[in-house]
N, C-alpha and C. Protein backbone atom coordinates (compact mmCIF):
# COMPACT_ATOMS: atom_id res chain seq x y z
N MET A 1 -19.30 -152.81 -4.40
CA MET A 1 -19.44 -151.44 -4.82
C MET A 1 -20.86 -150.98 -4.52
N GLU A 2 -20.98 -149.81 -3.92
CA GLU A 2 -22.29 -149.24 -3.62
C GLU A 2 -22.89 -148.66 -4.91
N LYS A 3 -24.21 -148.80 -5.04
CA LYS A 3 -24.93 -148.23 -6.19
C LYS A 3 -26.04 -147.35 -5.65
N ILE A 4 -26.11 -146.13 -6.16
CA ILE A 4 -27.14 -145.18 -5.75
C ILE A 4 -27.99 -144.84 -6.96
N LYS A 5 -29.32 -145.02 -6.82
CA LYS A 5 -30.23 -144.68 -7.91
C LYS A 5 -30.44 -143.18 -7.93
N LEU A 6 -30.37 -142.60 -9.13
CA LEU A 6 -30.59 -141.18 -9.30
C LEU A 6 -32.08 -140.88 -9.37
N LYS A 7 -32.43 -139.63 -9.09
CA LYS A 7 -33.81 -139.19 -9.18
C LYS A 7 -34.17 -138.95 -10.64
N VAL A 8 -35.26 -139.58 -11.09
CA VAL A 8 -35.73 -139.39 -12.46
C VAL A 8 -36.57 -138.12 -12.50
N ILE A 9 -36.18 -137.19 -13.38
CA ILE A 9 -36.89 -135.92 -13.54
C ILE A 9 -38.01 -136.07 -14.56
N ARG A 10 -37.71 -136.74 -15.67
CA ARG A 10 -38.71 -137.03 -16.71
C ARG A 10 -38.55 -138.47 -17.13
N GLU A 11 -39.66 -139.17 -17.18
CA GLU A 11 -39.64 -140.58 -17.56
C GLU A 11 -39.27 -140.73 -19.03
N THR A 12 -38.85 -141.93 -19.37
CA THR A 12 -38.51 -142.25 -20.75
C THR A 12 -39.75 -142.33 -21.62
N MET A 13 -39.57 -142.07 -22.89
CA MET A 13 -40.65 -142.25 -23.86
C MET A 13 -40.36 -143.49 -24.70
N ILE A 14 -39.23 -144.12 -24.43
CA ILE A 14 -38.81 -145.31 -25.16
C ILE A 14 -39.34 -146.53 -24.41
N PRO A 15 -40.08 -147.42 -25.07
CA PRO A 15 -40.58 -148.60 -24.35
C PRO A 15 -39.47 -149.62 -24.10
N PRO A 16 -39.59 -150.42 -23.03
CA PRO A 16 -38.61 -151.48 -22.80
C PRO A 16 -38.76 -152.56 -23.86
N PRO A 17 -37.82 -153.45 -24.06
CA PRO A 17 -36.54 -153.50 -23.35
C PRO A 17 -35.57 -152.44 -23.86
N TRP A 18 -34.75 -151.93 -22.96
CA TRP A 18 -33.79 -150.90 -23.31
C TRP A 18 -32.43 -151.52 -23.54
N SER A 19 -31.66 -150.89 -24.39
CA SER A 19 -30.28 -151.33 -24.58
C SER A 19 -29.44 -150.10 -24.90
N ALA A 20 -28.30 -150.02 -24.27
CA ALA A 20 -27.39 -148.90 -24.50
C ALA A 20 -26.77 -149.02 -25.89
N PRO A 21 -26.53 -147.90 -26.53
CA PRO A 21 -25.86 -147.95 -27.84
C PRO A 21 -24.45 -148.51 -27.70
N PRO A 22 -23.91 -149.09 -28.74
CA PRO A 22 -22.55 -149.63 -28.66
C PRO A 22 -21.57 -148.54 -28.23
N GLY A 23 -20.71 -148.88 -27.30
CA GLY A 23 -19.70 -147.95 -26.82
C GLY A 23 -20.18 -146.99 -25.75
N ALA A 24 -21.47 -147.05 -25.39
CA ALA A 24 -21.98 -146.17 -24.34
C ALA A 24 -21.36 -146.57 -23.01
N GLY A 25 -20.94 -145.59 -22.27
CA GLY A 25 -20.35 -145.85 -20.96
C GLY A 25 -20.77 -144.77 -20.00
N PRO A 26 -20.24 -144.79 -18.82
CA PRO A 26 -20.60 -143.76 -17.85
C PRO A 26 -20.31 -142.36 -18.39
N LEU A 27 -21.16 -141.41 -18.03
CA LEU A 27 -20.96 -140.03 -18.44
C LEU A 27 -19.90 -139.35 -17.58
N PHE A 28 -19.72 -139.85 -16.36
CA PHE A 28 -18.72 -139.33 -15.43
C PHE A 28 -17.98 -140.51 -14.82
N THR A 29 -16.69 -140.36 -14.59
CA THR A 29 -15.90 -141.40 -13.95
C THR A 29 -15.00 -140.77 -12.90
N GLY A 30 -14.94 -141.41 -11.74
CA GLY A 30 -14.10 -140.91 -10.66
C GLY A 30 -13.11 -141.96 -10.22
N ALA A 31 -12.65 -141.82 -8.99
CA ALA A 31 -11.67 -142.75 -8.45
C ALA A 31 -12.13 -143.33 -7.12
N GLY A 32 -13.44 -143.41 -6.92
CA GLY A 32 -13.97 -143.92 -5.66
C GLY A 32 -14.61 -145.28 -5.80
N ASP A 33 -15.64 -145.51 -4.98
CA ASP A 33 -16.25 -146.84 -4.97
C ASP A 33 -17.78 -146.81 -5.02
N THR A 34 -18.34 -145.73 -5.56
CA THR A 34 -19.80 -145.63 -5.65
C THR A 34 -20.21 -145.36 -7.09
N ASP A 35 -21.18 -146.14 -7.57
CA ASP A 35 -21.77 -145.91 -8.90
C ASP A 35 -23.13 -145.25 -8.72
N TYR A 36 -23.42 -144.27 -9.55
CA TYR A 36 -24.73 -143.63 -9.59
C TYR A 36 -25.42 -144.14 -10.84
N ILE A 37 -26.60 -144.74 -10.66
CA ILE A 37 -27.28 -145.42 -11.76
C ILE A 37 -28.61 -144.74 -12.09
N CYS A 38 -29.01 -144.90 -13.34
CA CYS A 38 -30.30 -144.36 -13.80
C CYS A 38 -31.41 -144.87 -12.88
N GLY A 39 -32.27 -143.95 -12.46
CA GLY A 39 -33.38 -144.33 -11.60
C GLY A 39 -34.44 -145.15 -12.30
N ASN A 40 -34.32 -145.29 -13.62
CA ASN A 40 -35.29 -146.06 -14.39
C ASN A 40 -34.75 -147.43 -14.78
N CYS A 41 -33.63 -147.45 -15.52
CA CYS A 41 -33.15 -148.73 -16.08
C CYS A 41 -31.87 -149.24 -15.42
N GLU A 42 -31.29 -148.46 -14.52
CA GLU A 42 -30.09 -148.82 -13.77
C GLU A 42 -28.80 -148.82 -14.59
N PHE A 43 -28.78 -148.12 -15.72
CA PHE A 43 -27.54 -147.90 -16.47
C PHE A 43 -26.63 -147.03 -15.62
N VAL A 44 -25.32 -147.31 -15.61
CA VAL A 44 -24.38 -146.53 -14.80
C VAL A 44 -24.14 -145.18 -15.47
N ILE A 45 -24.63 -144.10 -14.83
CA ILE A 45 -24.45 -142.74 -15.32
C ILE A 45 -23.10 -142.20 -14.86
N ALA A 46 -22.75 -142.46 -13.60
CA ALA A 46 -21.48 -141.99 -13.04
C ALA A 46 -20.83 -143.17 -12.31
N ALA A 47 -19.60 -143.49 -12.68
CA ALA A 47 -18.92 -144.68 -12.14
C ALA A 47 -17.78 -144.28 -11.21
N ASN A 48 -17.62 -145.06 -10.17
CA ASN A 48 -16.47 -144.95 -9.26
C ASN A 48 -16.31 -143.56 -8.66
N ILE A 49 -17.41 -142.98 -8.19
CA ILE A 49 -17.35 -141.67 -7.58
C ILE A 49 -16.99 -141.83 -6.11
N GLY A 50 -16.06 -141.01 -5.64
CA GLY A 50 -15.59 -141.11 -4.27
C GLY A 50 -15.90 -139.87 -3.46
N PRO A 51 -15.64 -139.93 -2.16
CA PRO A 51 -15.86 -138.77 -1.30
C PRO A 51 -15.07 -137.57 -1.81
N GLY A 52 -15.70 -136.43 -1.80
CA GLY A 52 -15.03 -135.22 -2.25
C GLY A 52 -15.09 -134.99 -3.74
N GLN A 53 -15.49 -135.99 -4.51
CA GLN A 53 -15.63 -135.81 -5.95
C GLN A 53 -17.06 -135.38 -6.20
N ARG A 54 -17.23 -134.25 -6.85
CA ARG A 54 -18.57 -133.75 -7.09
C ARG A 54 -18.59 -132.83 -8.29
N ILE A 55 -19.77 -132.65 -8.83
CA ILE A 55 -19.99 -131.72 -9.92
C ILE A 55 -21.19 -130.86 -9.55
N THR A 56 -21.38 -129.80 -10.29
CA THR A 56 -22.59 -129.01 -10.14
C THR A 56 -23.76 -129.90 -10.54
N PRO A 57 -24.88 -129.84 -9.80
CA PRO A 57 -26.03 -130.67 -10.19
C PRO A 57 -26.43 -130.42 -11.64
N VAL A 58 -26.66 -131.50 -12.36
CA VAL A 58 -27.07 -131.41 -13.76
C VAL A 58 -28.21 -132.39 -14.01
N GLU A 59 -28.91 -132.18 -15.10
CA GLU A 59 -29.89 -133.15 -15.57
C GLU A 59 -29.32 -133.75 -16.85
N THR A 60 -29.40 -135.08 -16.98
CA THR A 60 -28.86 -135.72 -18.17
C THR A 60 -29.77 -136.85 -18.63
N ASN A 61 -29.82 -137.03 -19.94
CA ASN A 61 -30.59 -138.14 -20.51
C ASN A 61 -29.77 -139.42 -20.37
N CYS A 62 -30.41 -140.47 -19.91
CA CYS A 62 -29.76 -141.78 -19.86
C CYS A 62 -29.54 -142.27 -21.29
N PRO A 63 -28.31 -142.65 -21.64
CA PRO A 63 -28.07 -143.14 -23.00
C PRO A 63 -28.74 -144.48 -23.29
N CYS A 64 -29.21 -145.15 -22.26
CA CYS A 64 -29.83 -146.46 -22.45
C CYS A 64 -31.35 -146.36 -22.65
N CYS A 65 -32.04 -145.68 -21.72
CA CYS A 65 -33.51 -145.66 -21.79
C CYS A 65 -34.08 -144.30 -22.15
N GLY A 66 -33.28 -143.23 -22.06
CA GLY A 66 -33.75 -141.90 -22.42
C GLY A 66 -34.36 -141.11 -21.28
N ALA A 67 -34.51 -141.71 -20.09
CA ALA A 67 -35.06 -140.97 -18.95
C ALA A 67 -34.09 -139.85 -18.57
N VAL A 68 -34.64 -138.74 -18.09
CA VAL A 68 -33.80 -137.64 -17.62
C VAL A 68 -33.60 -137.81 -16.13
N ASN A 69 -32.32 -137.89 -15.73
CA ASN A 69 -31.94 -138.08 -14.33
C ASN A 69 -31.29 -136.82 -13.81
N GLU A 70 -31.50 -136.55 -12.51
CA GLU A 70 -30.80 -135.46 -11.85
C GLU A 70 -29.54 -136.05 -11.24
N VAL A 71 -28.39 -135.56 -11.66
CA VAL A 71 -27.12 -136.06 -11.14
C VAL A 71 -26.62 -135.10 -10.08
N ARG A 72 -26.52 -135.60 -8.85
CA ARG A 72 -26.01 -134.82 -7.71
C ARG A 72 -25.05 -135.71 -6.95
N PHE A 73 -23.88 -135.21 -6.67
CA PHE A 73 -22.92 -135.95 -5.85
C PHE A 73 -22.79 -135.22 -4.53
N ALA A 74 -22.53 -135.93 -3.49
CA ALA A 74 -22.33 -135.38 -2.14
C ALA A 74 -23.66 -134.78 -1.65
N GLU A 75 -23.56 -133.94 -0.65
CA GLU A 75 -24.75 -133.32 -0.07
C GLU A 75 -24.86 -131.91 -0.60
N ASP A 76 -25.59 -131.74 -1.72
CA ASP A 76 -25.78 -130.40 -2.31
C ASP A 76 -26.98 -129.74 -1.68
């Protein structure tokens, strides 16, 4: 499975080591073969995204480390 690191917009203020809260999972799930991971701690923000699956670009806090990542799928 391919993994793509997202662009970090704002760094985390939480010191390492980081751990995701219980039950935390990807914020987006698709039906493809690419995972988009936090550019800081590599937590999976979007799992199994495939060609043609996309959302409007958003910024989201990583549930694991708190860094703000820019989520963009495809060529926006």
